[in-house]
């Protein structure tokens, strides 16, 4: 069994246990994966250049350490959309992409990988 297969089975079992459909869990996993990709690659500048976030193996030192800050999704969304301090306002990400990166950061921040 591959690692991906094991993760999918675990996700389905978790869904059954808490009463979610596997499809809902898969959508959440997809959104988290998109958020991680945006954090590491798609944003301009890349979030990982400035921020520390263990899950993304990012060790930036310009912006706040997100593992210590543990922002909620609304705070991340606002910061990405409007900019804050030296962080520029978003000019390239769609609302869906901002929502995905906000979900990702708020979900993984403060949780060691």
N, C-alpha and C. Protein backbone atom coordinates (compact mmCIF):
# COMPACT_ATOMS: atom_id res chain seq x y z
N UNK A 1 0.85 -1.17 0.00
CA UNK A 1 0.00 0.00 0.00
C UNK A 1 0.90 1.23 0.00
N UNK A 2 0.59 2.19 -0.84
CA UNK A 2 1.39 3.41 -0.91
C UNK A 2 1.02 4.35 0.22
N UNK A 3 1.89 5.33 0.47
CA UNK A 3 1.64 6.33 1.50
C UNK A 3 0.36 7.11 1.17
N UNK A 4 0.19 7.46 -0.11
CA UNK A 4 -1.01 8.20 -0.51
C UNK A 4 -2.27 7.38 -0.27
N UNK A 5 -2.21 6.08 -0.55
CA UNK A 5 -3.37 5.21 -0.31
C UNK A 5 -3.69 5.14 1.17
N UNK A 6 -2.66 5.04 1.99
CA UNK A 6 -2.85 4.99 3.44
C UNK A 6 -3.49 6.26 3.95
N UNK A 7 -3.04 7.40 3.43
CA UNK A 7 -3.62 8.68 3.85
C UNK A 7 -5.07 8.79 3.44
N UNK A 8 -5.40 8.35 2.23
CA UNK A 8 -6.78 8.42 1.75
C UNK A 8 -7.69 7.53 2.60
N UNK A 9 -7.22 6.32 2.93
CA UNK A 9 -8.01 5.42 3.77
C UNK A 9 -8.21 6.04 5.15
N UNK A 10 -7.16 6.64 5.70
CA UNK A 10 -7.28 7.29 7.01
C UNK A 10 -8.27 8.44 6.95
N UNK A 11 -8.26 9.20 5.86
CA UNK A 11 -9.19 10.32 5.71
C UNK A 11 -10.63 9.81 5.65
N UNK A 12 -10.86 8.72 4.91
CA UNK A 12 -12.20 8.16 4.80
C UNK A 12 -12.67 7.65 6.16
N UNK A 13 -11.80 6.96 6.89
CA UNK A 13 -12.17 6.46 8.21
C UNK A 13 -12.47 7.60 9.16
N UNK A 14 -11.70 8.66 9.10
CA UNK A 14 -11.96 9.83 9.93
C UNK A 14 -13.32 10.41 9.60
N UNK A 15 -13.63 10.50 8.32
CA UNK A 15 -14.92 11.05 7.90
C UNK A 15 -16.08 10.21 8.42
N UNK A 16 -15.92 8.90 8.32
CA UNK A 16 -16.97 8.01 8.80
C UNK A 16 -17.15 8.18 10.30
N UNK A 17 -16.03 8.30 11.01
CA UNK A 17 -16.07 8.45 12.47
C UNK A 17 -16.77 9.73 12.88
N UNK A 18 -16.49 10.83 12.19
CA UNK A 18 -17.09 12.11 12.60
C UNK A 18 -18.31 12.49 11.77
N UNK A 19 -18.72 11.63 10.87
CA UNK A 19 -19.96 11.85 10.15
C UNK A 19 -19.85 12.73 8.92
N UNK A 20 -18.67 12.90 8.37
CA UNK A 20 -18.51 13.66 7.13
C UNK A 20 -18.42 12.70 5.96
N UNK A 21 -18.79 13.17 4.80
CA UNK A 21 -18.63 12.32 3.63
C UNK A 21 -17.17 12.36 3.19
N UNK A 22 -16.67 11.27 2.61
CA UNK A 22 -15.30 11.26 2.10
C UNK A 22 -15.07 12.37 1.08
N UNK A 23 -16.09 12.71 0.35
CA UNK A 23 -15.98 13.77 -0.66
C UNK A 23 -15.69 15.11 0.00
N UNK A 24 -16.32 15.39 1.15
CA UNK A 24 -16.07 16.64 1.87
C UNK A 24 -14.64 16.68 2.37
N UNK A 25 -14.15 15.55 2.90
CA UNK A 25 -12.78 15.49 3.39
C UNK A 25 -11.79 15.69 2.26
N UNK A 26 -12.07 15.09 1.12
CA UNK A 26 -11.20 15.23 -0.03
C UNK A 26 -11.14 16.68 -0.49
N UNK A 27 -12.26 17.36 -0.48
CA UNK A 27 -12.31 18.78 -0.87
C UNK A 27 -11.48 19.60 0.09
N UNK A 28 -11.57 19.32 1.38
CA UNK A 28 -10.78 20.02 2.39
C UNK A 28 -9.29 19.75 2.18
N UNK A 29 -8.93 18.49 1.94
CA UNK A 29 -7.53 18.13 1.68
C UNK A 29 -7.01 18.86 0.45
N UNK A 30 -7.83 18.91 -0.60
CA UNK A 30 -7.43 19.60 -1.83
C UNK A 30 -7.21 21.09 -1.57
N UNK A 31 -8.07 21.68 -0.77
CA UNK A 31 -7.95 23.11 -0.46
C UNK A 31 -6.69 23.37 0.36
N UNK A 32 -6.40 22.49 1.31
CA UNK A 32 -5.17 22.62 2.11
C UNK A 32 -3.93 22.47 1.23
N UNK A 33 -3.96 21.52 0.31
CA UNK A 33 -2.83 21.32 -0.60
C UNK A 33 -2.63 22.55 -1.49
N UNK A 34 -3.73 23.12 -1.97
CA UNK A 34 -3.64 24.34 -2.77
C UNK A 34 -3.06 25.47 -1.93
N UNK A 35 -3.52 25.61 -0.70
CA UNK A 35 -3.00 26.64 0.18
C UNK A 35 -1.51 26.51 0.42
N UNK A 36 -1.05 25.27 0.60
CA UNK A 36 0.39 25.04 0.81
C UNK A 36 1.16 25.43 -0.45
N UNK A 37 0.65 25.06 -1.60
CA UNK A 37 1.30 25.41 -2.87
C UNK A 37 1.38 26.93 -3.04
N UNK A 38 0.31 27.61 -2.71
CA UNK A 38 0.30 29.07 -2.80
C UNK A 38 1.34 29.66 -1.84
N UNK A 39 1.37 29.17 -0.62
CA UNK A 39 2.31 29.65 0.39
C UNK A 39 3.75 29.50 -0.10
N UNK A 40 4.05 28.38 -0.73
CA UNK A 40 5.42 28.08 -1.14
C UNK A 40 5.79 28.62 -2.52
N UNK A 41 4.81 28.72 -3.45
CA UNK A 41 5.18 28.98 -4.83
C UNK A 41 4.41 30.09 -5.54
N UNK A 42 3.11 30.16 -5.38
CA UNK A 42 2.29 31.01 -6.24
C UNK A 42 2.20 32.48 -5.82
N UNK A 43 2.32 32.75 -4.54
CA UNK A 43 2.18 34.13 -4.09
C UNK A 43 3.39 34.95 -4.53
N UNK A 44 3.19 36.24 -4.68
CA UNK A 44 4.27 37.15 -5.06
C UNK A 44 4.34 38.28 -4.07
N UNK A 45 5.38 38.39 -3.29
CA UNK A 45 6.46 37.41 -3.15
C UNK A 45 5.94 36.16 -2.43
N UNK A 46 6.71 35.10 -2.49
CA UNK A 46 6.29 33.86 -1.84
C UNK A 46 6.26 34.05 -0.33
N UNK A 47 5.19 33.59 0.28
CA UNK A 47 5.01 33.71 1.73
C UNK A 47 6.20 33.13 2.48
N UNK A 48 6.71 32.00 1.98
CA UNK A 48 7.79 31.27 2.65
C UNK A 48 9.10 32.05 2.68
N UNK A 49 9.25 33.04 1.83
CA UNK A 49 10.47 33.84 1.86
C UNK A 49 10.55 34.69 3.12
N UNK A 50 9.41 35.10 3.64
CA UNK A 50 9.38 36.02 4.78
C UNK A 50 8.92 35.39 6.08
N UNK A 51 8.11 34.36 6.00
CA UNK A 51 7.49 33.79 7.20
C UNK A 51 8.05 32.42 7.55
N UNK A 52 8.11 32.14 8.85
CA UNK A 52 8.44 30.81 9.34
C UNK A 52 7.13 30.04 9.52
N UNK A 53 7.09 28.82 8.97
CA UNK A 53 5.95 27.94 9.12
C UNK A 53 6.47 26.51 8.99
N UNK A 54 6.50 25.77 10.08
CA UNK A 54 7.11 24.44 10.11
C UNK A 54 6.54 23.50 9.06
N UNK A 55 5.22 23.48 8.90
CA UNK A 55 4.61 22.54 7.95
C UNK A 55 5.13 22.75 6.53
N UNK A 56 5.44 23.99 6.19
CA UNK A 56 5.94 24.32 4.85
C UNK A 56 7.47 24.29 4.80
N UNK A 57 8.10 23.96 5.93
CA UNK A 57 9.56 23.98 6.05
C UNK A 57 10.12 25.34 5.67
N UNK A 58 9.38 26.38 6.03
CA UNK A 58 9.76 27.76 5.73
C UNK A 58 10.40 28.38 6.96
N UNK A 59 11.49 29.09 6.76
CA UNK A 59 12.20 29.70 7.88
C UNK A 59 12.50 31.17 7.62
N UNK A 60 11.55 31.87 7.01
CA UNK A 60 11.73 33.29 6.76
C UNK A 60 11.81 34.06 8.06
N UNK A 61 12.51 35.18 8.03
CA UNK A 61 12.71 35.97 9.24
C UNK A 61 12.27 37.42 9.09
N UNK A 62 11.65 37.78 7.97
CA UNK A 62 11.21 39.16 7.76
C UNK A 62 9.85 39.40 8.41
N UNK A 63 8.91 38.51 8.13
CA UNK A 63 7.57 38.63 8.69
C UNK A 63 7.45 37.84 9.97
N UNK A 64 6.31 37.92 10.61
CA UNK A 64 6.11 37.18 11.86
C UNK A 64 6.24 35.66 11.66
N UNK A 65 6.65 35.00 12.71
CA UNK A 65 6.70 33.55 12.75
C UNK A 65 5.26 33.07 12.91
N UNK A 66 4.72 32.45 11.88
CA UNK A 66 3.31 32.04 11.89
C UNK A 66 3.04 30.92 12.88
N UNK A 67 4.05 30.11 13.18
CA UNK A 67 3.87 29.06 14.18
C UNK A 67 3.68 29.65 15.57
N UNK A 68 4.31 30.78 15.83
CA UNK A 68 4.13 31.45 17.12
C UNK A 68 2.86 32.29 17.13
N UNK A 69 2.57 32.94 16.02
CA UNK A 69 1.40 33.83 15.92
C UNK A 69 0.09 33.04 15.91
N UNK A 70 0.08 31.91 15.22
CA UNK A 70 -1.12 31.05 15.09
C UNK A 70 -2.35 31.86 14.68
N UNK A 71 -2.27 32.54 13.54
CA UNK A 71 -3.41 33.37 13.13
C UNK A 71 -4.60 32.53 12.68
N UNK A 72 -5.81 33.07 12.88
CA UNK A 72 -6.98 32.39 12.35
C UNK A 72 -7.12 32.74 10.86
N UNK A 73 -8.01 32.05 10.17
CA UNK A 73 -8.15 32.22 8.73
C UNK A 73 -8.54 33.65 8.36
N UNK A 74 -9.38 34.28 9.16
CA UNK A 74 -9.81 35.64 8.86
C UNK A 74 -8.62 36.61 8.91
N UNK A 75 -7.76 36.42 9.89
CA UNK A 75 -6.59 37.30 10.01
C UNK A 75 -5.65 37.13 8.83
N UNK A 76 -5.42 35.89 8.41
CA UNK A 76 -4.56 35.62 7.25
C UNK A 76 -5.19 36.23 6.00
N UNK A 77 -6.48 36.01 5.82
CA UNK A 77 -7.18 36.54 4.66
C UNK A 77 -7.03 38.06 4.59
N UNK A 78 -7.23 38.74 5.70
CA UNK A 78 -7.13 40.20 5.75
C UNK A 78 -5.71 40.66 5.42
N UNK A 79 -4.71 40.00 6.01
CA UNK A 79 -3.31 40.37 5.77
C UNK A 79 -2.93 40.18 4.31
N UNK A 80 -3.34 39.06 3.72
CA UNK A 80 -3.00 38.78 2.32
C UNK A 80 -3.74 39.77 1.40
N UNK A 81 -4.99 40.00 1.68
CA UNK A 81 -5.79 40.87 0.82
C UNK A 81 -5.32 42.33 0.86
N UNK A 82 -5.09 42.84 2.07
CA UNK A 82 -4.81 44.26 2.25
C UNK A 82 -3.34 44.60 2.47
N UNK A 83 -2.53 43.59 2.77
CA UNK A 83 -1.16 43.86 3.16
C UNK A 83 -1.14 44.32 4.61
N UNK A 84 0.03 44.26 5.23
CA UNK A 84 0.18 44.71 6.61
C UNK A 84 1.66 44.98 6.83
N UNK A 85 1.99 46.12 7.40
CA UNK A 85 3.40 46.47 7.60
C UNK A 85 4.13 46.42 6.26
N UNK A 86 5.28 45.75 6.21
CA UNK A 86 6.03 45.67 4.95
C UNK A 86 5.45 44.67 3.95
N UNK A 87 4.47 43.89 4.38
CA UNK A 87 3.86 42.90 3.49
C UNK A 87 2.92 43.60 2.52
N UNK A 88 3.16 43.41 1.20
CA UNK A 88 2.31 44.09 0.22
C UNK A 88 0.92 43.46 0.12
N UNK A 89 -0.03 44.25 -0.32
CA UNK A 89 -1.37 43.73 -0.60
C UNK A 89 -1.30 42.78 -1.79
N UNK A 90 -2.16 41.79 -1.79
CA UNK A 90 -2.24 40.83 -2.88
C UNK A 90 -2.61 41.53 -4.18
N UNK A 91 -1.92 41.16 -5.24
CA UNK A 91 -2.26 41.69 -6.56
C UNK A 91 -2.46 40.58 -7.58
N UNK A 92 -2.23 39.32 -7.19
CA UNK A 92 -2.32 38.25 -8.19
C UNK A 92 -3.23 37.09 -7.81
N UNK A 93 -3.46 36.86 -6.53
CA UNK A 93 -4.23 35.69 -6.11
C UNK A 93 -5.73 35.96 -6.23
N UNK A 94 -6.47 34.92 -6.60
CA UNK A 94 -7.92 35.01 -6.64
C UNK A 94 -8.47 34.91 -5.22
N UNK A 95 -9.74 35.24 -5.06
CA UNK A 95 -10.38 35.09 -3.74
C UNK A 95 -10.30 33.65 -3.26
N UNK A 96 -10.48 32.70 -4.18
CA UNK A 96 -10.41 31.27 -3.84
C UNK A 96 -9.00 30.90 -3.36
N UNK A 97 -7.99 31.43 -4.01
CA UNK A 97 -6.61 31.14 -3.61
C UNK A 97 -6.28 31.76 -2.25
N UNK A 98 -6.77 32.97 -2.02
CA UNK A 98 -6.57 33.62 -0.72
C UNK A 98 -7.25 32.80 0.38
N UNK A 99 -8.45 32.34 0.11
CA UNK A 99 -9.18 31.51 1.07
C UNK A 99 -8.40 30.22 1.35
N UNK A 100 -7.81 29.63 0.32
CA UNK A 100 -7.06 28.38 0.49
C UNK A 100 -5.80 28.60 1.32
N UNK A 101 -5.04 29.66 1.05
CA UNK A 101 -3.82 29.90 1.82
C UNK A 101 -4.17 30.29 3.26
N UNK A 102 -5.28 31.00 3.44
CA UNK A 102 -5.72 31.36 4.80
C UNK A 102 -6.11 30.10 5.58
N UNK A 103 -6.82 29.19 4.94
CA UNK A 103 -7.18 27.92 5.58
C UNK A 103 -5.93 27.12 5.92
N UNK A 104 -5.02 27.04 4.97
CA UNK A 104 -3.79 26.28 5.20
C UNK A 104 -3.01 26.82 6.39
N UNK A 105 -2.72 28.11 6.37
CA UNK A 105 -1.91 28.69 7.45
C UNK A 105 -2.61 28.53 8.79
N UNK A 106 -3.91 28.84 8.83
CA UNK A 106 -4.64 28.76 10.12
C UNK A 106 -4.76 27.32 10.62
N UNK A 107 -4.72 26.36 9.72
CA UNK A 107 -4.82 24.95 10.10
C UNK A 107 -3.51 24.39 10.61
N UNK A 108 -2.39 24.77 10.00
CA UNK A 108 -1.11 24.14 10.34
C UNK A 108 -0.23 24.96 11.28
N UNK A 109 -0.48 26.24 11.41
CA UNK A 109 0.39 27.10 12.24
C UNK A 109 0.41 26.61 13.69
N UNK A 110 1.62 26.47 14.20
CA UNK A 110 1.79 26.05 15.59
C UNK A 110 1.78 24.54 15.78
N UNK A 111 1.58 23.80 14.72
CA UNK A 111 1.58 22.34 14.80
C UNK A 111 2.85 21.84 14.15
N UNK A 112 3.74 21.28 14.93
CA UNK A 112 5.00 20.78 14.40
C UNK A 112 4.74 19.72 13.36
N UNK A 113 5.53 19.74 12.32
CA UNK A 113 5.36 18.77 11.23
C UNK A 113 5.84 17.41 11.64
